[in-house]
Amino acid sequence: MFNIIYTWTITQLDCYPSYAGQADVVFTVHWTYTGTDGTATSSLNGTVNCRYIAGAPFTPYNELTQDQVIGWVVEALGPSQIATYQGIIANEIGIQEGPTPVTPPLPWVK
């Protein structure tokens, strides 16, 4: 098939200004998952919900890294859902790289 490289991009973080004694607590992560084979590209967008539990380890908002937040997304979605997304993206890339469909006139209509 294709040699597709998949990448995550975090596009937005929704926060509570104050929650459980912490400031700027993330509750929703907006993401884009992109696959490219160098020629064609396809992407999916989505969100995952986060829940901070009082007393659990907490990283202040301004210290969050993209890798850390991507880890939250990957954990929330799980391997099965990610595999489904990869299949959707690979299918879209396959369609882009396939022959361009045409609609010729019907052969019996002259």
N, C-alpha and C. Protein backbone atom coordinates (compact mmCIF):
# COMPACT_ATOMS: atom_id res chain seq x y z
N MET A 1 0.85 -1.18 0.00
CA MET A 1 0.00 0.00 0.00
C MET A 1 0.89 1.23 0.00
N PHE A 2 0.61 2.20 0.85
CA PHE A 2 1.34 3.46 0.87
C PHE A 2 2.25 3.51 2.10
N ASN A 3 3.26 4.33 2.02
CA ASN A 3 4.09 4.63 3.18
C ASN A 3 3.59 5.96 3.73
N ILE A 4 2.63 5.89 4.62
CA ILE A 4 1.97 7.09 5.13
C ILE A 4 2.59 7.49 6.46
N ILE A 5 2.89 8.76 6.58
CA ILE A 5 3.38 9.32 7.83
C ILE A 5 2.22 10.08 8.48
N TYR A 6 1.92 9.72 9.72
CA TYR A 6 0.82 10.33 10.46
C TYR A 6 1.36 11.32 11.49
N THR A 7 0.70 12.46 11.61
CA THR A 7 1.11 13.45 12.61
C THR A 7 -0.11 14.04 13.31
N TRP A 8 0.08 14.37 14.57
CA TRP A 8 -0.94 15.03 15.37
C TRP A 8 -0.62 16.51 15.46
N THR A 9 -1.64 17.34 15.42
CA THR A 9 -1.51 18.77 15.67
C THR A 9 -2.59 19.15 16.67
N ILE A 10 -2.18 19.82 17.72
CA ILE A 10 -3.15 20.33 18.69
C ILE A 10 -3.52 21.74 18.23
N THR A 11 -4.81 21.96 17.99
CA THR A 11 -5.25 23.22 17.42
C THR A 11 -5.88 24.19 18.43
N GLN A 12 -6.32 23.64 19.58
CA GLN A 12 -6.97 24.51 20.57
C GLN A 12 -7.09 23.75 21.88
N LEU A 13 -6.99 24.47 22.98
CA LEU A 13 -7.23 23.92 24.31
C LEU A 13 -8.29 24.77 24.99
N ASP A 14 -9.38 24.14 25.43
CA ASP A 14 -10.42 24.84 26.19
C ASP A 14 -10.13 24.61 27.68
N CYS A 15 -10.18 25.70 28.46
CA CYS A 15 -9.82 25.62 29.88
C CYS A 15 -10.89 26.23 30.77
N TYR A 16 -10.91 25.74 32.01
CA TYR A 16 -11.62 26.43 33.08
C TYR A 16 -10.62 27.39 33.69
N PRO A 17 -11.00 28.66 33.91
CA PRO A 17 -10.05 29.61 34.50
C PRO A 17 -9.56 29.15 35.88
N SER A 18 -10.46 28.48 36.62
CA SER A 18 -10.11 27.97 37.94
C SER A 18 -10.91 26.70 38.18
N TYR A 19 -10.22 25.64 38.65
CA TYR A 19 -10.90 24.38 38.91
C TYR A 19 -10.08 23.58 39.91
N ALA A 20 -10.72 23.12 40.95
CA ALA A 20 -10.10 22.26 41.97
C ALA A 20 -8.78 22.85 42.49
N GLY A 21 -8.77 24.16 42.67
CA GLY A 21 -7.60 24.81 43.23
C GLY A 21 -6.48 25.08 42.23
N GLN A 22 -6.71 24.82 40.95
CA GLN A 22 -5.71 25.07 39.92
C GLN A 22 -6.23 26.12 38.94
N ALA A 23 -5.31 26.76 38.21
CA ALA A 23 -5.68 27.77 37.23
C ALA A 23 -5.53 27.22 35.82
N ASP A 24 -6.41 27.67 34.92
CA ASP A 24 -6.36 27.29 33.50
C ASP A 24 -6.27 25.78 33.33
N VAL A 25 -7.29 25.10 33.78
CA VAL A 25 -7.35 23.64 33.73
C VAL A 25 -8.01 23.21 32.41
N VAL A 26 -7.28 22.48 31.60
CA VAL A 26 -7.76 22.03 30.29
C VAL A 26 -8.89 21.03 30.48
N PHE A 27 -9.99 21.24 29.74
CA PHE A 27 -11.09 20.26 29.77
C PHE A 27 -11.41 19.71 28.38
N THR A 28 -10.99 20.37 27.31
CA THR A 28 -11.19 19.84 25.96
C THR A 28 -9.95 20.14 25.12
N VAL A 29 -9.50 19.12 24.39
CA VAL A 29 -8.38 19.27 23.46
C VAL A 29 -8.93 19.11 22.05
N HIS A 30 -8.67 20.06 21.19
CA HIS A 30 -9.05 20.00 19.78
C HIS A 30 -7.80 19.57 19.00
N TRP A 31 -7.97 18.61 18.11
CA TRP A 31 -6.82 18.05 17.39
C TRP A 31 -7.10 17.87 15.91
N THR A 32 -6.01 17.76 15.14
CA THR A 32 -6.06 17.36 13.74
C THR A 32 -5.07 16.21 13.58
N TYR A 33 -5.51 15.14 12.92
CA TYR A 33 -4.67 13.98 12.66
C TYR A 33 -4.48 13.93 11.15
N THR A 34 -3.25 14.06 10.69
CA THR A 34 -2.95 14.17 9.27
C THR A 34 -2.07 13.01 8.83
N GLY A 35 -2.38 12.49 7.66
CA GLY A 35 -1.54 11.48 7.03
C GLY A 35 -1.08 11.97 5.68
N THR A 36 0.19 11.71 5.35
CA THR A 36 0.69 12.07 4.04
C THR A 36 1.65 10.99 3.56
N ASP A 37 1.62 10.74 2.28
CA ASP A 37 2.59 9.80 1.69
C ASP A 37 3.61 10.56 0.85
N GLY A 38 3.64 11.86 1.00
CA GLY A 38 4.56 12.69 0.24
C GLY A 38 3.93 13.29 -1.00
N THR A 39 2.85 12.68 -1.46
CA THR A 39 2.14 13.16 -2.64
C THR A 39 0.74 13.64 -2.28
N ALA A 40 0.03 12.83 -1.55
CA ALA A 40 -1.35 13.13 -1.16
C ALA A 40 -1.43 13.26 0.36
N THR A 41 -2.41 14.03 0.81
CA THR A 41 -2.60 14.28 2.24
C THR A 41 -4.09 14.22 2.56
N SER A 42 -4.38 13.71 3.76
CA SER A 42 -5.75 13.70 4.26
C SER A 42 -5.71 13.94 5.76
N SER A 43 -6.74 14.60 6.30
CA SER A 43 -6.77 14.93 7.72
C SER A 43 -8.15 14.69 8.31
N LEU A 44 -8.15 14.43 9.60
CA LEU A 44 -9.38 14.35 10.39
C LEU A 44 -9.23 15.31 11.56
N ASN A 45 -10.34 15.89 11.99
CA ASN A 45 -10.35 16.79 13.15
C ASN A 45 -11.26 16.20 14.21
N GLY A 46 -10.94 16.49 15.46
CA GLY A 46 -11.79 16.01 16.53
C GLY A 46 -11.45 16.66 17.85
N THR A 47 -12.11 16.21 18.89
CA THR A 47 -11.86 16.68 20.24
C THR A 47 -11.85 15.49 21.19
N VAL A 48 -11.15 15.66 22.29
CA VAL A 48 -11.26 14.73 23.42
C VAL A 48 -11.45 15.56 24.67
N ASN A 49 -12.17 14.98 25.61
CA ASN A 49 -12.40 15.63 26.89
C ASN A 49 -11.34 15.19 27.88
N CYS A 50 -10.95 16.10 28.74
CA CYS A 50 -9.99 15.83 29.80
C CYS A 50 -10.67 16.08 31.14
N ARG A 51 -10.21 15.38 32.15
CA ARG A 51 -10.78 15.61 33.47
C ARG A 51 -9.65 15.65 34.49
N TYR A 52 -9.52 16.77 35.13
CA TYR A 52 -8.53 16.87 36.21
C TYR A 52 -9.19 16.46 37.51
N ILE A 53 -8.51 15.60 38.27
CA ILE A 53 -9.00 15.16 39.56
C ILE A 53 -8.15 15.85 40.63
N ALA A 54 -8.80 16.53 41.55
CA ALA A 54 -8.09 17.27 42.60
C ALA A 54 -7.06 16.37 43.27
N GLY A 55 -5.86 16.91 43.41
CA GLY A 55 -4.79 16.17 44.07
C GLY A 55 -3.91 15.37 43.11
N ALA A 56 -4.39 15.16 41.88
CA ALA A 56 -3.59 14.44 40.88
C ALA A 56 -2.45 15.35 40.41
N PRO A 57 -1.39 14.77 39.86
CA PRO A 57 -0.32 15.63 39.33
C PRO A 57 -0.90 16.63 38.32
N PHE A 58 -0.39 17.85 38.37
CA PHE A 58 -0.91 18.92 37.52
C PHE A 58 0.25 19.69 36.92
N THR A 59 0.16 19.92 35.60
CA THR A 59 1.14 20.75 34.91
C THR A 59 0.48 22.09 34.63
N PRO A 60 1.06 23.19 35.10
CA PRO A 60 0.49 24.50 34.79
C PRO A 60 0.38 24.71 33.28
N TYR A 61 -0.66 25.42 32.89
CA TYR A 61 -0.96 25.62 31.46
C TYR A 61 0.25 26.09 30.67
N ASN A 62 0.97 27.07 31.19
CA ASN A 62 2.09 27.62 30.43
C ASN A 62 3.31 26.69 30.39
N GLU A 63 3.24 25.56 31.06
CA GLU A 63 4.32 24.57 31.02
C GLU A 63 3.94 23.33 30.22
N LEU A 64 2.71 23.27 29.71
CA LEU A 64 2.29 22.12 28.90
C LEU A 64 3.12 22.09 27.62
N THR A 65 3.41 20.87 27.14
CA THR A 65 4.08 20.71 25.85
C THR A 65 3.12 20.05 24.88
N GLN A 66 3.38 20.24 23.61
CA GLN A 66 2.54 19.60 22.60
C GLN A 66 2.61 18.08 22.75
N ASP A 67 3.79 17.53 23.01
CA ASP A 67 3.92 16.08 23.18
C ASP A 67 3.07 15.57 24.35
N GLN A 68 3.04 16.33 25.45
CA GLN A 68 2.24 15.92 26.60
C GLN A 68 0.75 15.89 26.25
N VAL A 69 0.28 16.92 25.56
CA VAL A 69 -1.13 17.00 25.21
C VAL A 69 -1.48 15.95 24.16
N ILE A 70 -0.60 15.70 23.21
CA ILE A 70 -0.82 14.62 22.24
C ILE A 70 -0.95 13.29 22.98
N GLY A 71 -0.16 13.10 24.01
CA GLY A 71 -0.27 11.89 24.83
C GLY A 71 -1.65 11.74 25.44
N TRP A 72 -2.25 12.84 25.88
CA TRP A 72 -3.62 12.80 26.41
C TRP A 72 -4.58 12.34 25.33
N VAL A 73 -4.41 12.88 24.11
CA VAL A 73 -5.31 12.54 22.99
C VAL A 73 -5.18 11.06 22.66
N VAL A 74 -3.95 10.60 22.51
CA VAL A 74 -3.71 9.19 22.16
C VAL A 74 -4.29 8.27 23.22
N GLU A 75 -4.09 8.61 24.49
CA GLU A 75 -4.63 7.79 25.57
C GLU A 75 -6.15 7.79 25.56
N ALA A 76 -6.75 8.95 25.34
CA ALA A 76 -8.21 9.05 25.34
C ALA A 76 -8.83 8.28 24.18
N LEU A 77 -8.20 8.32 23.01
CA LEU A 77 -8.77 7.64 21.84
C LEU A 77 -8.51 6.15 21.88
N GLY A 78 -7.32 5.75 22.27
CA GLY A 78 -6.97 4.33 22.32
C GLY A 78 -6.54 3.81 20.96
N PRO A 79 -5.83 2.68 20.96
CA PRO A 79 -5.26 2.14 19.72
C PRO A 79 -6.30 1.75 18.67
N SER A 80 -7.44 1.26 19.09
CA SER A 80 -8.46 0.83 18.14
C SER A 80 -9.02 2.02 17.35
N GLN A 81 -9.34 3.11 18.05
CA GLN A 81 -9.88 4.30 17.37
C GLN A 81 -8.83 4.93 16.47
N ILE A 82 -7.58 4.96 16.93
CA ILE A 82 -6.51 5.52 16.11
C ILE A 82 -6.32 4.69 14.85
N ALA A 83 -6.38 3.36 14.97
CA ALA A 83 -6.28 2.50 13.79
C ALA A 83 -7.43 2.76 12.83
N THR A 84 -8.63 3.00 13.35
CA THR A 84 -9.77 3.34 12.50
C THR A 84 -9.50 4.64 11.75
N TYR A 85 -9.00 5.64 12.45
CA TYR A 85 -8.68 6.92 11.81
C TYR A 85 -7.60 6.76 10.75
N GLN A 86 -6.60 5.94 11.03
CA GLN A 86 -5.55 5.70 10.04
C GLN A 86 -6.13 5.04 8.79
N GLY A 87 -7.07 4.13 8.97
CA GLY A 87 -7.72 3.49 7.83
C GLY A 87 -8.51 4.48 6.99
N ILE A 88 -9.21 5.38 7.65
CA ILE A 88 -9.98 6.41 6.93
C ILE A 88 -9.04 7.30 6.13
N ILE A 89 -7.96 7.74 6.78
CA ILE A 89 -7.00 8.62 6.12
C ILE A 89 -6.34 7.89 4.95
N ALA A 90 -5.92 6.64 5.15
CA ALA A 90 -5.28 5.87 4.08
C ALA A 90 -6.23 5.69 2.90
N ASN A 91 -7.50 5.44 3.18
CA ASN A 91 -8.49 5.30 2.12
C ASN A 91 -8.62 6.59 1.32
N GLU A 92 -8.67 7.73 2.02
CA GLU A 92 -8.78 9.02 1.33
C GLU A 92 -7.55 9.29 0.47
N ILE A 93 -6.38 8.94 0.98
CA ILE A 93 -5.15 9.11 0.19
C ILE A 93 -5.19 8.20 -1.04
N GLY A 94 -5.67 6.98 -0.87
CA GLY A 94 -5.80 6.06 -2.00
C GLY A 94 -6.72 6.59 -3.07
N ILE A 95 -7.81 7.21 -2.66
CA ILE A 95 -8.75 7.79 -3.62
C ILE A 95 -8.08 8.93 -4.38
N GLN A 96 -7.32 9.76 -3.65
CA GLN A 96 -6.64 10.89 -4.30
C GLN A 96 -5.62 10.41 -5.33
N GLU A 97 -4.98 9.28 -5.06
CA GLU A 97 -3.92 8.80 -5.94
C GLU A 97 -4.42 7.85 -7.02
N GLY A 98 -5.68 7.46 -6.94
CA GLY A 98 -6.24 6.58 -7.94
C GLY A 98 -6.52 7.34 -9.23
N PRO A 99 -6.96 6.61 -10.22
CA PRO A 99 -7.28 7.29 -11.47
C PRO A 99 -8.44 8.27 -11.27
N THR A 100 -8.41 9.35 -12.00
CA THR A 100 -9.47 10.34 -11.92
C THR A 100 -10.72 9.78 -12.59
N PRO A 101 -11.83 9.71 -11.85
CA PRO A 101 -13.04 9.17 -12.46
C PRO A 101 -13.61 10.11 -13.52
N VAL A 102 -14.22 9.53 -14.51
CA VAL A 102 -14.90 10.29 -15.56
C VAL A 102 -16.30 9.76 -15.72
N THR A 103 -17.16 10.54 -16.33
CA THR A 103 -18.53 10.11 -16.60
C THR A 103 -18.79 10.31 -18.08
N PRO A 104 -18.45 9.29 -18.88
CA PRO A 104 -18.68 9.42 -20.32
C PRO A 104 -20.18 9.32 -20.63
N PRO A 105 -20.56 9.77 -21.81
CA PRO A 105 -21.97 9.64 -22.19
C PRO A 105 -22.33 8.16 -22.31
N LEU A 106 -23.57 7.87 -22.08
CA LEU A 106 -24.04 6.50 -22.22
C LEU A 106 -23.82 6.02 -23.67
N PRO A 107 -23.35 4.79 -23.85
CA PRO A 107 -22.99 4.34 -25.20
C PRO A 107 -24.18 4.22 -26.14
N TRP A 108 -25.36 4.05 -25.60
CA TRP A 108 -26.52 3.89 -26.48
C TRP A 108 -27.19 5.22 -26.81
N VAL A 109 -26.72 6.31 -26.19
CA VAL A 109 -27.26 7.63 -26.49
C VAL A 109 -26.33 8.29 -27.51
N LYS A 110 -26.85 8.56 -28.70
CA LYS A 110 -26.02 9.14 -29.79
C LYS A 110 -26.38 10.55 -30.02
